[in-house]
Amino acid sequence: MSDAVLPGAEAFSFDGGKVGVLVVHGFTGSPQSMRYLGERLGEHGYTVLGPRLPGHGVSPAAMAKTTAADWVGAAEDALLEISAKCDKVFVAGLSMGGTLSLYLAAMHPDKVAGVIPINAAAQIESPDMASIAYARNMPDTIPGIGSDMMDTATKELAYPEVPVVCMKHAIGLAATARALLSRIKCPTFVINSRVDHVLSPNNANVIANNVGSDRVELLWLNRSYHVATIDHDKDLIAEEVHAFVQRNCR
């Protein structure tokens, strides 16, 4: 049972029209954090896919056996899957899911019509986080980073512990996405919380100022922390993502 998916952490999909939205969850999280957004987009008639990244939604031990290459591969497979059903595909992602969204937009410009990074990591500015990656004599896990939300009545389905071995992969993935930003030519909608206790909000400026797109929008959230897709601004995010897709699928 150690490899069983946690209840609520399952991947999801909604069949709709020829415009699709791929929604990708974050580091140590699960599709649960993207389900609300996916459901609202599904109600608008989009085809929606919310994959579960390898090692996520199971256990920290399962995650410790995976790498950034596994997470990238799963995101690319999901993009291929939804692209086979849709004429246009938009990619939205939270935190590391936003990092993966940027990677997909840069590496697969023929398949991504628009990208929506939400509280995404394009670089790691935390000395504490960076120092963990290669430090000697670290424990196998450190306390988790989930459920950073202003809405204390809601909980993110995320690991209570973070495998230290995965930290260097997350940092490397962010650095890779940062270096690829200039290759992103599709419309870009950066959504970021003004207060985020996991990643520096400056990531939003880094992304907006360095993507190669001629159409860049930036929305600041005032009522959410890191896991904004299920925080107080979840309806605003859903409405704004829908509007962005509509503006760019004509």
C-alpha atoms as a PDB file:
ATOM      1  CA  MET A   1       0.000   0.000   0.000  1.00  0.00           C
ATOM      2  CA  SER A   2       3.034   2.297   0.209  1.00  0.00           C
ATOM      3  CA  ASP A   3       2.641   3.157  -3.483  1.00  0.00           C
ATOM      4  CA  ALA A   4      -1.077   3.915  -3.243  1.00  0.00           C
ATOM      5  CA  VAL A   5      -2.198   7.376  -4.303  1.00  0.00           C
ATOM      6  CA  LEU A   6      -3.525   9.431  -1.405  1.00  0.00           C
ATOM      7  CA  PRO A   7      -7.292  10.073  -1.489  1.00  0.00           C
ATOM      8  CA  GLY A   8      -7.855  13.399  -3.227  1.00  0.00           C
ATOM      9  CA  ALA A   9      -4.447  13.424  -4.905  1.00  0.00           C
ATOM     10  CA  GLU A  10      -5.587  11.652  -8.054  1.00  0.00           C
ATOM     11  CA  ALA A  11      -5.030  13.044 -11.537  1.00  0.00           C
ATOM     12  CA  PHE A  12      -8.161  14.410 -13.207  1.00  0.00           C
ATOM     13  CA  SER A  13      -9.486  15.353 -16.611  1.00  0.00           C
ATOM     14  CA  PHE A  14     -12.598  16.956 -18.071  1.00  0.00           C
ATOM     15  CA  ASP A  15     -13.650  16.515 -21.674  1.00  0.00           C
ATOM     16  CA  GLY A  16     -14.672  19.676 -23.463  1.00  0.00           C
ATOM     17  CA  GLY A  17     -14.086  21.480 -26.709  1.00  0.00           C
ATOM     18  CA  LYS A  18     -11.070  22.022 -28.933  1.00  0.00           C
ATOM     19  CA  VAL A  19      -9.440  24.520 -26.568  1.00  0.00           C
ATOM     20  CA  GLY A  20      -7.572  22.788 -23.779  1.00  0.00           C
ATOM     21  CA  VAL A  21      -5.943  23.820 -20.526  1.00  0.00           C
ATOM     22  CA  LEU A  22      -3.238  21.740 -18.880  1.00  0.00           C
ATOM     23  CA  VAL A  23      -2.990  22.485 -15.143  1.00  0.00           C
ATOM     24  CA  VAL A  24       0.136  21.355 -13.281  1.00  0.00           C
ATOM     25  CA  HIS A  25       0.590  21.150  -9.501  1.00  0.00           C
ATOM     26  CA  GLY A  26       3.670  22.023  -7.489  1.00  0.00           C
ATOM     27  CA  PHE A  27       6.619  20.532  -5.601  1.00  0.00           C
ATOM     28  CA  THR A  28       5.509  17.994  -2.939  1.00  0.00           C
ATOM     29  CA  GLY A  29       1.888  18.853  -3.743  1.00  0.00           C
ATOM     30  CA  SER A  30      -0.763  17.038  -5.765  1.00  0.00           C
ATOM     31  CA  PRO A  31      -3.515  17.641  -8.337  1.00  0.00           C
ATOM     32  CA  GLN A  32      -5.760  18.597  -5.405  1.00  0.00           C
ATOM     33  CA  SER A  33      -4.299  22.109  -5.509  1.00  0.00           C
ATOM     34  CA  MET A  34      -5.319  22.488  -9.175  1.00  0.00           C
ATOM     35  CA  ARG A  35      -8.667  20.726  -9.135  1.00  0.00           C
ATOM     36  CA  TYR A  36     -10.759  23.797  -8.272  1.00  0.00           C
ATOM     37  CA  LEU A  37      -9.252  25.743 -11.153  1.00  0.00           C
ATOM     38  CA  GLY A  38      -9.692  22.736 -13.419  1.00  0.00           C
ATOM     39  CA  GLU A  39     -13.344  22.347 -12.472  1.00  0.00           C
ATOM     40  CA  ARG A  40     -14.124  26.005 -13.096  1.00  0.00           C
ATOM     41  CA  LEU A  41     -12.404  25.876 -16.490  1.00  0.00           C
ATOM     42  CA  GLY A  42     -14.248  22.685 -17.307  1.00  0.00           C
ATOM     43  CA  GLU A  43     -17.530  24.487 -16.650  1.00  0.00           C
ATOM     44  CA  HIS A  44     -16.554  26.937 -19.402  1.00  0.00           C
ATOM     45  CA  GLY A  45     -16.317  24.064 -21.868  1.00  0.00           C
ATOM     46  CA  TYR A  46     -12.556  23.629 -22.060  1.00  0.00           C
ATOM     47  CA  THR A  47     -10.868  20.264 -22.189  1.00  0.00           C
ATOM     48  CA  VAL A  48      -8.856  20.115 -18.965  1.00  0.00           C
ATOM     49  CA  LEU A  49      -6.070  17.793 -17.844  1.00  0.00           C
ATOM     50  CA  GLY A  50      -4.550  17.769 -14.350  1.00  0.00           C
ATOM     51  CA  PRO A  51      -1.746  15.188 -14.184  1.00  0.00           C
ATOM     52  CA  ARG A  52      -0.088  13.859 -11.042  1.00  0.00           C
ATOM     53  CA  LEU A  53       3.679  14.251 -11.209  1.00  0.00           C
ATOM     54  CA  PRO A  54       5.796  11.157 -10.445  1.00  0.00           C
ATOM     55  CA  GLY A  55       6.430  10.634  -6.749  1.00  0.00           C
ATOM     56  CA  HIS A  56       3.742  13.105  -5.742  1.00  0.00           C
ATOM     57  CA  GLY A  57       0.506  12.336  -3.941  1.00  0.00           C
ATOM     58  CA  VAL A  58       1.910   9.090  -2.553  1.00  0.00           C
ATOM     59  CA  SER A  59       4.647   9.498   0.080  1.00  0.00           C
ATOM     60  CA  PRO A  60       7.898  11.398   0.633  1.00  0.00           C
ATOM     61  CA  ALA A  61       9.742   8.099   0.195  1.00  0.00           C
ATOM     62  CA  ALA A  62       8.174   7.649  -3.231  1.00  0.00           C
ATOM     63  CA  MET A  63       9.109  11.192  -4.200  1.00  0.00           C
ATOM     64  CA  ALA A  64      12.722  10.658  -3.104  1.00  0.00           C
ATOM     65  CA  LYS A  65      13.057   8.087  -5.897  1.00  0.00           C
ATOM     66  CA  THR A  66      12.159  10.634  -8.592  1.00  0.00           C
ATOM     67  CA  THR A  67      14.063  13.435 -10.325  1.00  0.00           C
ATOM     68  CA  ALA A  68      13.320  16.625 -12.226  1.00  0.00           C
ATOM     69  CA  ALA A  69      13.661  14.621 -15.450  1.00  0.00           C
ATOM     70  CA  ASP A  70      10.738  12.468 -14.296  1.00  0.00           C
ATOM     71  CA  TRP A  71       8.593  15.530 -13.540  1.00  0.00           C
ATOM     72  CA  VAL A  72       9.457  17.150 -16.871  1.00  0.00           C
ATOM     73  CA  GLY A  73       8.724  13.915 -18.715  1.00  0.00           C
ATOM     74  CA  ALA A  74       5.303  13.603 -17.103  1.00  0.00           C
ATOM     75  CA  ALA A  75       4.454  17.211 -17.968  1.00  0.00           C
ATOM     76  CA  GLU A  76       5.515  16.652 -21.569  1.00  0.00           C
ATOM     77  CA  ASP A  77       3.454  13.455 -21.777  1.00  0.00           C
ATOM     78  CA  ALA A  78       0.422  15.352 -20.459  1.00  0.00           C
ATOM     79  CA  LEU A  79       0.980  18.094 -23.036  1.00  0.00           C
ATOM     80  CA  LEU A  80       1.090  15.505 -25.815  1.00  0.00           C
ATOM     81  CA  GLU A  81      -2.064  13.864 -24.476  1.00  0.00           C
ATOM     82  CA  ILE A  82      -4.150  17.030 -24.374  1.00  0.00           C
ATOM     83  CA  SER A  83      -2.666  18.316 -27.645  1.00  0.00           C
ATOM     84  CA  ALA A  84      -3.982  15.207 -29.384  1.00  0.00           C
ATOM     85  CA  LYS A  85      -7.519  16.265 -28.430  1.00  0.00           C
ATOM     86  CA  CYS A  86      -7.314  20.035 -28.850  1.00  0.00           C
ATOM     87  CA  ASP A  87      -6.496  22.614 -31.520  1.00  0.00           C
ATOM     88  CA  LYS A  88      -5.098  25.063 -28.955  1.00  0.00           C
ATOM     89  CA  VAL A  89      -3.606  24.301 -25.557  1.00  0.00           C
ATOM     90  CA  PHE A  90      -2.842  26.681 -22.696  1.00  0.00           C
ATOM     91  CA  VAL A  91      -0.660  25.604 -19.783  1.00  0.00           C
ATOM     92  CA  ALA A  92      -1.134  26.827 -16.210  1.00  0.00           C
ATOM     93  CA  GLY A  93       0.941  25.735 -13.257  1.00  0.00           C
ATOM     94  CA  LEU A  94       1.344  26.472  -9.558  1.00  0.00           C
ATOM     95  CA  SER A  95       4.802  26.864  -7.986  1.00  0.00           C
ATOM     96  CA  MET A  96       7.012  24.165  -9.549  1.00  0.00           C
ATOM     97  CA  GLY A  97       4.063  23.434 -11.812  1.00  0.00           C
ATOM     98  CA  GLY A  98       4.467  27.001 -13.036  1.00  0.00           C
ATOM     99  CA  THR A  99       8.154  26.297 -13.615  1.00  0.00           C
ATOM    100  CA  LEU A 100       7.173  23.268 -15.682  1.00  0.00           C
ATOM    101  CA  SER A 101       4.646  25.396 -17.562  1.00  0.00           C
ATOM    102  CA  LEU A 102       7.407  27.824 -18.540  1.00  0.00           C
ATOM    103  CA  TYR A 103       9.608  24.919 -19.595  1.00  0.00           C
ATOM    104  CA  LEU A 104       6.855  23.517 -21.818  1.00  0.00           C
ATOM    105  CA  ALA A 105       6.187  26.905 -23.414  1.00  0.00           C
ATOM    106  CA  ALA A 106       9.894  27.329 -24.195  1.00  0.00           C
ATOM    107  CA  MET A 107      10.561  23.815 -25.426  1.00  0.00           C
ATOM    108  CA  HIS A 108       7.285  23.114 -27.231  1.00  0.00           C
ATOM    109  CA  PRO A 109       6.235  26.416 -28.837  1.00  0.00           C
ATOM    110  CA  ASP A 110       4.249  24.544 -31.470  1.00  0.00           C
ATOM    111  CA  LYS A 111       1.990  23.057 -28.806  1.00  0.00           C
ATOM    112  CA  VAL A 112       1.547  25.868 -26.238  1.00  0.00           C
ATOM    113  CA  ALA A 113      -0.753  28.746 -27.211  1.00  0.00           C
ATOM    114  CA  GLY A 114      -0.331  30.566 -23.904  1.00  0.00           C
ATOM    115  CA  VAL A 115       1.291  30.060 -20.513  1.00  0.00           C
ATOM    116  CA  ILE A 116       0.029  30.976 -17.034  1.00  0.00           C
ATOM    117  CA  PRO A 117       2.666  30.610 -14.283  1.00  0.00           C
ATOM    118  CA  ILE A 118       1.124  31.038 -10.815  1.00  0.00           C
ATOM    119  CA  ASN A 119       3.557  31.764  -7.966  1.00  0.00           C
ATOM    120  CA  ALA A 120       6.138  30.032 -10.127  1.00  0.00           C
ATOM    121  CA  ALA A 121       9.827  29.505  -9.465  1.00  0.00           C
ATOM    122  CA  ALA A 122      12.162  30.933 -12.080  1.00  0.00           C
ATOM    123  CA  GLN A 123      14.973  31.236  -9.591  1.00  0.00           C
ATOM    124  CA  ILE A 124      15.556  30.327  -5.954  1.00  0.00           C
ATOM    125  CA  GLU A 125      16.348  33.436  -3.924  1.00  0.00           C
ATOM    126  CA  SER A 126      16.224  31.814  -0.494  1.00  0.00           C
ATOM    127  CA  PRO A 127      19.713  31.209   0.973  1.00  0.00           C
ATOM    128  CA  ASP A 128      18.197  28.699   3.405  1.00  0.00           C
ATOM    129  CA  MET A 129      16.672  26.675   0.584  1.00  0.00           C
ATOM    130  CA  ALA A 130      19.811  26.827  -1.543  1.00  0.00           C
ATOM    131  CA  SER A 131      22.084  25.812   1.322  1.00  0.00           C
ATOM    132  CA  ILE A 132      20.124  22.607   1.900  1.00  0.00           C
ATOM    133  CA  ALA A 133      20.684  21.203  -1.571  1.00  0.00           C
ATOM    134  CA  TYR A 134      24.344  20.223  -1.260  1.00  0.00           C
ATOM    135  CA  ALA A 135      25.017  20.422   2.460  1.00  0.00           C
ATOM    136  CA  ARG A 136      26.705  17.456   4.098  1.00  0.00           C
ATOM    137  CA  ASN A 137      25.116  15.397   6.845  1.00  0.00           C
ATOM    138  CA  MET A 138      21.580  16.531   6.062  1.00  0.00           C
ATOM    139  CA  PRO A 139      18.667  14.352   7.211  1.00  0.00           C
ATOM    140  CA  ASP A 140      16.701  12.502   4.536  1.00  0.00           C
ATOM    141  CA  THR A 141      13.792  14.910   4.935  1.00  0.00           C
ATOM    142  CA  ILE A 142      13.069  18.387   6.258  1.00  0.00           C
ATOM    143  CA  PRO A 143       9.722  19.909   7.328  1.00  0.00           C
ATOM    144  CA  GLY A 144       7.253  20.409   4.500  1.00  0.00           C
ATOM    145  CA  ILE A 145       6.360  23.640   2.725  1.00  0.00           C
ATOM    146  CA  GLY A 146       2.684  22.933   2.000  1.00  0.00           C
ATOM    147  CA  SER A 147      -0.480  24.820   2.967  1.00  0.00           C
ATOM    148  CA  ASP A 148       0.946  28.346   2.830  1.00  0.00           C
ATOM    149  CA  MET A 149      -2.465  29.990   2.567  1.00  0.00           C
ATOM    150  CA  MET A 150      -4.242  32.994   3.977  1.00  0.00           C
ATOM    151  CA  ASP A 151      -7.399  30.883   4.173  1.00  0.00           C
ATOM    152  CA  THR A 152      -6.701  28.823   7.292  1.00  0.00           C
ATOM    153  CA  ALA A 153      -9.869  26.771   6.834  1.00  0.00           C
ATOM    154  CA  THR A 154      -8.422  25.083   3.733  1.00  0.00           C
ATOM    155  CA  LYS A 155      -5.535  22.633   3.632  1.00  0.00           C
ATOM    156  CA  GLU A 156      -3.315  21.654   0.754  1.00  0.00           C
ATOM    157  CA  LEU A 157      -2.818  17.940   0.210  1.00  0.00           C
ATOM    158  CA  ALA A 158       0.975  18.075   0.311  1.00  0.00           C
ATOM    159  CA  TYR A 159       3.725  16.158   2.062  1.00  0.00           C
ATOM    160  CA  PRO A 160       4.509  17.074   5.673  1.00  0.00           C
ATOM    161  CA  GLU A 161       8.149  16.373   4.818  1.00  0.00           C
ATOM    162  CA  VAL A 162      10.355  17.291   1.857  1.00  0.00           C
ATOM    163  CA  PRO A 163      12.950  14.771   0.612  1.00  0.00           C
ATOM    164  CA  VAL A 164      16.251  16.659   0.690  1.00  0.00           C
ATOM    165  CA  VAL A 165      17.514  14.723  -2.335  1.00  0.00           C
ATOM    166  CA  CYS A 166      14.739  16.360  -4.392  1.00  0.00           C
ATOM    167  CA  MET A 167      15.658  19.915  -3.412  1.00  0.00           C
ATOM    168  CA  LYS A 168      18.621  20.073  -5.799  1.00  0.00           C
ATOM    169  CA  HIS A 169      16.366  18.859  -8.625  1.00  0.00           C
ATOM    170  CA  ALA A 170      13.822  21.595  -7.925  1.00  0.00           C
ATOM    171  CA  ILE A 171      16.554  24.248  -7.817  1.00  0.00           C
ATOM    172  CA  GLY A 172      18.059  22.955 -11.059  1.00  0.00           C
ATOM    173  CA  LEU A 173      14.678  22.944 -12.753  1.00  0.00           C
ATOM    174  CA  ALA A 174      14.067  26.564 -11.764  1.00  0.00           C
ATOM    175  CA  ALA A 175      17.480  27.575 -13.117  1.00  0.00           C
ATOM    176  CA  THR A 176      16.755  25.775 -16.380  1.00  0.00           C
ATOM    177  CA  ALA A 177      13.410  27.515 -16.774  1.00  0.00           C
ATOM    178  CA  ARG A 178      15.046  30.874 -16.047  1.00  0.00           C
ATOM    179  CA  ALA A 179      17.586  30.325 -18.803  1.00  0.00           C
ATOM    180  CA  LEU A 180      14.815  29.377 -21.253  1.00  0.00           C
ATOM    181  CA  LEU A 181      12.549  32.392 -20.635  1.00  0.00           C
ATOM    182  CA  SER A 182      13.713  34.255 -23.738  1.00  0.00           C
ATOM    183  CA  ARG A 183      12.470  31.379 -25.886  1.00  0.00           C
ATOM    184  CA  ILE A 184       8.890  31.830 -24.721  1.00  0.00           C
ATOM    185  CA  LYS A 185       7.066  33.674 -27.498  1.00  0.00           C
ATOM    186  CA  CYS A 186       3.453  32.808 -26.687  1.00  0.00           C
ATOM    187  CA  PRO A 187       1.137  35.100 -24.678  1.00  0.00           C
ATOM    188  CA  THR A 188       2.176  34.964 -21.025  1.00  0.00           C
ATOM    189  CA  PHE A 189      -0.020  35.661 -17.992  1.00  0.00           C
ATOM    190  CA  VAL A 190       1.977  35.836 -14.761  1.00  0.00           C
ATOM    191  CA  ILE A 191      -0.121  35.512 -11.595  1.00  0.00           C
ATOM    192  CA  ASN A 192       1.593  36.060  -8.254  1.00  0.00           C
ATOM    193  CA  SER A 193       0.771  36.675  -4.622  1.00  0.00           C
ATOM    194  CA  ARG A 194       2.210  39.829  -3.094  1.00  0.00           C
ATOM    195  CA  VAL A 195       3.012  37.814   0.037  1.00  0.00           C
ATOM    196  CA  ASP A 196       4.456  34.319  -0.429  1.00  0.00           C
ATOM    197  CA  HIS A 197       6.247  32.470   2.375  1.00  0.00           C
ATOM    198  CA  VAL A 198       7.656  29.758   0.082  1.00  0.00           C
ATOM    199  CA  LEU A 199       9.027  31.596  -2.959  1.00  0.00           C
ATOM    200  CA  SER A 200      10.042  35.215  -3.425  1.00  0.00           C
ATOM    201  CA  PRO A 201       7.333  37.243  -5.210  1.00  0.00           C
ATOM    202  CA  ASN A 202      10.195  38.739  -7.225  1.00  0.00           C
ATOM    203  CA  ASN A 203       9.925  35.626  -9.385  1.00  0.00           C
ATOM    204  CA  ALA A 204       6.943  37.297 -11.051  1.00  0.00           C
ATOM    205  CA  ASN A 205       9.072  40.244 -12.158  1.00  0.00           C
ATOM    206  CA  VAL A 206      11.871  37.967 -13.320  1.00  0.00           C
ATOM    207  CA  ILE A 207       9.439  36.025 -15.510  1.00  0.00           C
ATOM    208  CA  ALA A 208       7.526  39.031 -16.856  1.00  0.00           C
ATOM    209  CA  ASN A 209      10.709  40.971 -17.661  1.00  0.00           C
ATOM    210  CA  ASN A 210      12.572  38.126 -19.358  1.00  0.00           C
ATOM    211  CA  VAL A 211      10.099  36.123 -21.423  1.00  0.00           C
ATOM    212  CA  GLY A 212      10.451  36.650 -25.157  1.00  0.00           C
ATOM    213  CA  SER A 213       6.744  37.201 -25.643  1.00  0.00           C
ATOM    214  CA  ASP A 214       5.298  40.464 -26.948  1.00  0.00           C
ATOM    215  CA  ARG A 215       2.131  39.852 -24.922  1.00  0.00           C
ATOM    216  CA  VAL A 216       2.831  39.742 -21.211  1.00  0.00           C
ATOM    217  CA  GLU A 217       0.303  40.358 -18.453  1.00  0.00           C
ATOM    218  CA  LEU A 218       0.899  40.427 -14.697  1.00  0.00           C
ATOM    219  CA  LEU A 219      -1.743  40.046 -11.996  1.00  0.00           C
ATOM    220  CA  TRP A 220      -0.890  40.580  -8.325  1.00  0.00           C
ATOM    221  CA  LEU A 221      -2.975  38.789  -5.687  1.00  0.00           C
ATOM    222  CA  ASN A 222      -3.679  40.472  -2.373  1.00  0.00           C
ATOM    223  CA  ARG A 223      -5.722  37.813  -0.576  1.00  0.00           C
ATOM    224  CA  SER A 224      -3.627  34.682  -1.058  1.00  0.00           C
ATOM    225  CA  TYR A 225      -0.237  33.278  -0.102  1.00  0.00           C
ATOM    226  CA  HIS A 226       1.676  30.582  -2.003  1.00  0.00           C
ATOM    227  CA  VAL A 227      -1.062  28.032  -2.723  1.00  0.00           C
ATOM    228  CA  ALA A 228      -3.236  30.684  -4.343  1.00  0.00           C
ATOM    229  CA  THR A 229      -5.294  28.304  -6.484  1.00  0.00           C
ATOM    230  CA  ILE A 230      -7.190  27.119  -3.397  1.00  0.00           C
ATOM    231  CA  ASP A 231      -6.832  30.285  -1.317  1.00  0.00           C
ATOM    232  CA  HIS A 232      -9.127  33.341  -1.099  1.00  0.00           C
ATOM    233  CA  ASP A 233      -8.296  34.395  -4.679  1.00  0.00           C
ATOM    234  CA  LYS A 234      -9.211  31.051  -6.264  1.00  0.00           C
ATOM    235  CA  ASP A 235     -12.321  32.450  -8.008  1.00  0.00           C
ATOM    236  CA  LEU A 236     -10.438  35.511  -9.247  1.00  0.00           C
ATOM    237  CA  ILE A 237      -7.744  33.240 -10.679  1.00  0.00           C
ATOM    238  CA  ALA A 238     -10.317  31.056 -12.420  1.00  0.00           C
ATOM    239  CA  GLU A 239     -12.090  34.080 -13.914  1.00  0.00           C
ATOM    240  CA  GLU A 240      -8.862  35.738 -15.056  1.00  0.00           C
ATOM    241  CA  VAL A 241      -7.446  32.550 -16.587  1.00  0.00           C
ATOM    242  CA  HIS A 242     -10.694  32.051 -18.501  1.00  0.00           C
ATOM    243  CA  ALA A 243     -10.554  35.642 -19.749  1.00  0.00           C
ATOM    244  CA  PHE A 244      -6.902  35.252 -20.779  1.00  0.00           C
ATOM    245  CA  VAL A 245      -7.669  32.103 -22.745  1.00  0.00           C
ATOM    246  CA  GLN A 246     -10.594  33.809 -24.451  1.00  0.00           C
ATOM    247  CA  ARG A 247      -8.427  36.791 -25.426  1.00  0.00           C
ATOM    248  CA  ASN A 248      -5.826  34.541 -26.991  1.00  0.00           C
ATOM    249  CA  CYS A 249      -7.805  31.812 -28.726  1.00  0.00           C
ATOM    250  CA  ARG A 250      -9.534  34.031 -31.261  1.00  0.00           C
END
